[in-house]
């Protein structure tokens, strides 16, 4: 991971800001994390590896699923994130915590029934290497779950609102809903994409500004003052609500009905 990403994820503080915004203002009350988890198929005795587990909050309250696993490894490249995950899930027994880089997964071939990598593949410097490692540690009947964002979401919307301010609008589109299937099909013969229908209705503009300042990919926008950003956003809240599109979903690759590409 590059130095900017490492700094952003060295602790859970900035990630927590982003999670909070979605939790407070999403119109789909199921919640993205709950929706992702509802699509997992984790049977009795399965071995599971999550890469980029972050704060681990997705596993909170999932005691039955944790107990069902013969092995559950939650990993992140950030020791700070792992510390937060351990704190959040400390009461759940049977979880292993490991600091792991997806480009060099320290497990033998065909170790896991399930590998998970949500909202992180776009940060991987050598994505082909990372996906090759995922395929290597999956069993022949294993399943890979990976959630990501699309190219027509809230970030693009806010960038359009701020078009009057000259800045480099380069965005990280290395793994999105639009191009992820093609990249996964280099390693898996069958890939399914699912979309999560949602939007944001933000009533406190300060929360949105905090979100903007928490993102590593918005360094150019962060050069603007809070007053400048606030002025633009408020002009687009005629009824006191900032309405933002969301473009999120997940890919499911491999699995008992999806043989691996040879």
Protein backbone atom coordinates (compact mmCIF):
# COMPACT_ATOMS: atom_id res chain seq x y z
CA UNK A 1 0.00 0.00 0.00
CA UNK A 2 1.24 3.54 -0.67
CA UNK A 3 2.25 5.84 2.18
CA UNK A 4 -0.91 7.98 1.94
CA UNK A 5 -3.19 4.96 2.31
CA UNK A 6 -1.07 3.57 5.16
CA UNK A 7 -1.36 6.88 7.01
CA UNK A 8 -5.12 7.06 6.45
CA UNK A 9 -5.66 3.56 7.84
CA UNK A 10 -3.02 3.57 10.56
CA UNK A 11 -5.87 4.09 13.04
CA UNK A 12 -9.63 3.66 12.78
CA UNK A 13 -10.50 7.34 13.36
CA UNK A 14 -11.04 8.46 9.76
CA UNK A 15 -12.75 5.21 8.78
CA UNK A 16 -15.13 5.68 11.72
CA UNK A 17 -16.10 9.13 10.37
CA UNK A 18 -17.05 7.58 7.05
CA UNK A 19 -18.95 4.69 8.62
CA UNK A 20 -20.86 7.18 10.79
CA UNK A 21 -22.02 9.27 7.82
CA UNK A 22 -23.46 6.22 6.06
CA UNK A 23 -25.04 4.97 9.27
CA UNK A 24 -26.78 8.30 10.00
CA UNK A 25 -27.98 9.29 6.54
CA UNK A 26 -28.42 6.23 4.32
CA UNK A 27 -31.93 5.79 2.96
CA UNK A 28 -31.61 1.99 2.88
CA UNK A 29 -31.86 1.12 6.56
CA UNK A 30 -30.65 -2.45 6.11
CA UNK A 31 -27.10 -1.08 6.05
CA UNK A 32 -24.39 -1.95 3.54
CA UNK A 33 -22.52 -4.16 5.99
CA UNK A 34 -25.65 -6.13 6.87
CA UNK A 35 -26.45 -6.53 3.17
CA UNK A 36 -22.94 -7.77 2.41
CA UNK A 37 -23.11 -10.27 5.25
CA UNK A 38 -26.53 -11.50 4.12
CA UNK A 39 -24.94 -12.65 0.86
CA UNK A 40 -22.23 -14.76 2.51
CA UNK A 41 -22.72 -18.51 2.39
CA UNK A 42 -20.69 -19.80 5.33
CA UNK A 43 -21.58 -23.38 6.14
CA UNK A 44 -20.78 -25.51 9.17
CA UNK A 45 -17.07 -26.19 9.55
CA UNK A 46 -15.90 -23.77 6.88
CA UNK A 47 -12.58 -21.94 7.16
CA UNK A 48 -12.78 -18.17 6.50
CA UNK A 49 -10.17 -15.47 5.85
CA UNK A 50 -11.08 -11.79 5.74
CA UNK A 51 -8.51 -9.43 4.23
CA UNK A 52 -8.82 -5.77 5.19
CA UNK A 53 -11.21 -6.41 8.08
CA UNK A 54 -10.90 -2.81 9.30
CA UNK A 55 -12.69 -2.23 12.61
CA UNK A 56 -14.25 -5.71 12.50
CA UNK A 57 -17.69 -4.23 13.17
CA UNK A 58 -19.31 -6.35 10.46
CA UNK A 59 -18.75 -9.39 12.69
CA UNK A 60 -20.33 -7.83 15.80
CA UNK A 61 -23.43 -9.78 16.80
CA UNK A 62 -22.54 -12.61 14.41
CA UNK A 63 -21.77 -15.13 17.15
CA UNK A 64 -23.58 -17.99 15.41
CA UNK A 65 -21.59 -17.53 12.21
CA UNK A 66 -18.31 -17.27 14.11
CA UNK A 67 -19.09 -20.50 15.99
CA UNK A 68 -20.00 -22.19 12.71
CA UNK A 69 -16.49 -21.62 11.33
CA UNK A 70 -13.80 -24.19 11.88
CA UNK A 71 -11.35 -21.30 11.50
CA UNK A 72 -11.90 -17.53 11.19
CA UNK A 73 -8.93 -15.29 10.45
CA UNK A 74 -9.54 -11.53 10.46
CA UNK A 75 -6.64 -9.63 8.95
CA UNK A 76 -5.60 -6.13 7.97
CA UNK A 77 -2.35 -4.55 6.80
CA UNK A 78 -2.75 -1.99 9.63
CA UNK A 79 -1.89 -2.97 13.20
CA UNK A 80 -4.01 -0.03 14.36
CA UNK A 81 -7.08 -1.42 12.61
CA UNK A 82 -6.45 -4.87 14.06
CA UNK A 83 -6.27 -3.35 17.52
CA UNK A 84 -9.68 -1.77 17.03
CA UNK A 85 -11.10 -5.03 15.67
CA UNK A 86 -9.80 -6.94 18.69
CA UNK A 87 -11.39 -4.34 20.98
CA UNK A 88 -14.73 -4.54 19.18
CA UNK A 89 -14.80 -8.35 19.04
CA UNK A 90 -12.91 -9.27 22.17
CA UNK A 91 -15.84 -11.21 23.60
CA UNK A 92 -16.01 -13.51 20.57
CA UNK A 93 -13.82 -16.58 21.02
CA UNK A 94 -12.18 -18.48 18.19
CA UNK A 95 -11.06 -15.54 16.03
CA UNK A 96 -7.45 -15.27 14.85
CA UNK A 97 -6.06 -11.80 14.16
CA UNK A 98 -3.23 -11.41 11.66
CA UNK A 99 -1.43 -8.52 9.98
CA UNK A 100 -1.47 -9.55 6.30
CA UNK A 101 -0.74 -7.99 2.92
CA UNK A 102 -3.06 -9.48 0.28
CA UNK A 103 -0.11 -9.55 -2.14
CA UNK A 104 1.67 -12.09 0.10
CA UNK A 105 -0.84 -14.18 2.05
CA UNK A 106 1.05 -16.38 4.54
CA UNK A 107 -1.04 -19.55 4.21
CA UNK A 108 -0.60 -22.75 2.17
CA UNK A 109 -2.49 -23.42 -1.06
CA UNK A 110 -6.17 -24.35 -0.75
CA UNK A 111 -6.49 -23.41 2.93
CA UNK A 112 -9.83 -21.56 2.99
CA UNK A 113 -13.42 -22.21 1.96
CA UNK A 114 -14.17 -18.47 1.95
CA UNK A 115 -12.00 -15.39 1.39
CA UNK A 116 -13.42 -11.89 1.90
CA UNK A 117 -11.91 -8.57 0.76
CA UNK A 118 -14.37 -5.68 1.05
CA UNK A 119 -13.77 -2.08 0.02
CA UNK A 120 -10.01 -2.50 -0.26
CA UNK A 121 -9.00 -4.04 -3.60
CA UNK A 122 -8.68 -0.57 -5.17
CA UNK A 123 -5.85 0.15 -2.71
CA UNK A 124 -3.74 -2.87 -3.74
CA UNK A 125 -0.62 -1.77 -5.68
CA UNK A 126 -0.36 -5.03 -7.65
CA UNK A 127 -3.96 -6.17 -7.95
CA UNK A 128 -3.18 -9.16 -10.16
CA UNK A 129 -0.73 -10.42 -7.54
CA UNK A 130 -3.32 -9.94 -4.81
CA UNK A 131 -6.04 -11.77 -6.71
CA UNK A 132 -3.59 -14.53 -7.60
CA UNK A 133 -2.88 -14.97 -3.90
CA UNK A 134 -6.60 -15.10 -3.11
CA UNK A 135 -7.15 -17.80 -5.69
CA UNK A 136 -4.12 -19.74 -4.41
CA UNK A 137 -5.34 -19.95 -0.80
CA UNK A 138 -8.93 -20.79 -1.77
CA UNK A 139 -10.01 -24.41 -1.94
CA UNK A 140 -11.19 -25.69 -5.31
CA UNK A 141 -14.81 -25.15 -4.22
CA UNK A 142 -14.01 -21.90 -2.38
CA UNK A 143 -15.82 -18.59 -2.72
CA UNK A 144 -14.37 -15.08 -2.89
CA UNK A 145 -16.54 -12.14 -1.78
CA UNK A 146 -15.41 -8.58 -2.52
CA UNK A 147 -17.50 -5.43 -2.12
CA UNK A 148 -16.53 -2.19 -3.86
CA UNK A 149 -17.88 1.13 -5.08
CA UNK A 150 -18.92 2.20 -8.55
CA UNK A 151 -17.99 5.16 -10.70
CA UNK A 152 -21.30 7.04 -10.40
CA UNK A 153 -21.63 7.65 -6.69
CA UNK A 154 -21.46 10.35 -4.05
CA UNK A 155 -17.83 11.27 -4.62
CA UNK A 156 -18.39 11.99 -8.30
CA UNK A 157 -21.50 14.00 -7.40
CA UNK A 158 -19.66 16.19 -4.89
CA UNK A 159 -16.78 16.69 -7.31
CA UNK A 160 -19.26 18.02 -9.89
CA UNK A 161 -20.67 20.42 -7.31
CA UNK A 162 -17.14 21.73 -6.70
CA UNK A 163 -16.23 22.06 -10.38
CA UNK A 164 -15.79 25.82 -9.98
CA UNK A 165 -12.65 25.18 -7.95
CA UNK A 166 -9.65 24.15 -10.10
CA UNK A 167 -8.11 20.94 -8.83
CA UNK A 168 -6.83 17.56 -9.98
CA UNK A 169 -9.89 15.32 -9.93
CA UNK A 170 -7.98 12.06 -10.45
CA UNK A 171 -9.94 9.20 -8.89
CA UNK A 172 -8.95 5.67 -8.00
CA UNK A 173 -10.90 3.45 -10.37
CA UNK A 174 -8.55 0.47 -10.24
CA UNK A 175 -11.32 -1.88 -9.01
CA UNK A 176 -14.95 -0.76 -9.35
CA UNK A 177 -18.37 -2.20 -10.09
CA UNK A 178 -17.76 -1.21 -13.70
CA UNK A 179 -14.41 -2.97 -14.23
CA UNK A 180 -14.18 -5.50 -11.41
CA UNK A 181 -15.78 -8.38 -13.27
CA UNK A 182 -13.18 -8.24 -16.04
CA UNK A 183 -10.34 -8.28 -13.51
CA UNK A 184 -11.80 -11.15 -11.51
CA UNK A 185 -12.44 -13.19 -14.65
CA UNK A 186 -8.68 -13.39 -15.16
CA UNK A 187 -8.67 -15.73 -12.14
CA UNK A 188 -12.22 -17.14 -11.86
CA UNK A 189 -14.34 -18.61 -14.65
CA UNK A 190 -17.60 -17.45 -13.05
CA UNK A 191 -18.23 -14.05 -11.47
CA UNK A 192 -21.52 -12.63 -10.21
CA UNK A 193 -22.18 -8.95 -9.42
CA UNK A 194 -24.84 -7.74 -6.98
CA UNK A 195 -25.86 -4.09 -6.53
CA UNK A 196 -26.92 -2.43 -3.29
CA UNK A 197 -29.69 0.14 -3.78
CA UNK A 198 -29.11 3.16 -1.55
CA UNK A 199 -28.61 6.94 -1.32
CA UNK A 200 -27.69 9.55 1.27
CA UNK A 201 -29.91 12.33 2.64
CA UNK A 202 -27.59 14.50 4.73
CA UNK A 203 -29.16 17.12 6.99
CA UNK A 204 -26.01 18.33 8.81
CA UNK A 205 -23.54 19.68 6.26
CA UNK A 206 -20.71 19.55 8.83
CA UNK A 207 -20.88 15.75 8.80
CA UNK A 208 -20.39 15.77 5.03
CA UNK A 209 -17.41 18.13 5.31
CA UNK A 210 -15.85 15.85 7.95
CA UNK A 211 -16.33 12.96 5.52
CA UNK A 212 -14.58 14.86 2.74
CA UNK A 213 -11.61 15.64 4.99
CA UNK A 214 -11.35 11.97 6.01
CA UNK A 215 -10.72 10.66 2.49
CA UNK A 216 -7.19 10.06 1.14
CA UNK A 217 -8.42 10.33 -2.45
CA UNK A 218 -9.82 13.84 -1.95
CA UNK A 219 -6.58 15.60 -1.05
CA UNK A 220 -7.21 18.24 -3.74
CA UNK A 221 -10.67 19.11 -2.37
CA UNK A 222 -9.30 19.11 1.16
CA UNK A 223 -7.16 22.09 0.11
CA UNK A 224 -10.35 24.15 0.12
CA UNK A 225 -11.49 25.81 3.33
CA UNK A 226 -14.45 24.40 5.23
CA UNK A 227 -16.25 27.68 4.53
CA UNK A 228 -15.83 27.26 0.75
CA UNK A 229 -17.04 23.67 0.80
CA UNK A 230 -19.92 24.53 3.12
CA UNK A 231 -21.06 27.36 0.85
CA UNK A 232 -21.24 25.09 -2.20
CA UNK A 233 -22.99 22.25 -0.41
CA UNK A 234 -25.57 24.51 1.24
CA UNK A 235 -26.54 25.94 -2.15
CA UNK A 236 -27.58 22.40 -3.05
CA UNK A 237 -29.72 21.94 0.08
CA UNK A 238 -32.79 24.05 -0.78
CA UNK A 239 -34.96 22.11 1.68
CA UNK A 240 -32.15 21.52 4.17
CA UNK A 241 -31.25 18.10 2.74
CA UNK A 242 -28.20 17.22 0.63
CA UNK A 243 -29.21 14.26 -1.53
CA UNK A 244 -26.32 12.13 -2.75
CA UNK A 245 -26.38 9.05 -4.99
CA UNK A 246 -24.57 5.91 -3.85
CA UNK A 247 -23.05 3.31 -6.15
CA UNK A 248 -22.11 0.23 -4.15
CA UNK A 249 -22.23 -3.51 -4.60
CA UNK A 250 -20.22 -6.71 -4.46
CA UNK A 251 -18.78 -9.50 -6.57
CA UNK A 252 -19.00 -13.20 -5.78
CA UNK A 253 -16.40 -15.33 -7.52
CA UNK A 254 -15.63 -19.04 -7.36
CA UNK A 255 -17.81 -21.25 -5.20
CA UNK A 256 -19.03 -24.82 -5.70
CA UNK A 257 -20.93 -23.84 -8.84
CA UNK A 258 -18.23 -21.47 -10.10
CA UNK A 259 -15.11 -23.57 -10.92
CA UNK A 260 -11.84 -21.69 -10.93
CA UNK A 261 -10.32 -20.60 -14.19
CA UNK A 262 -7.47 -22.89 -15.23
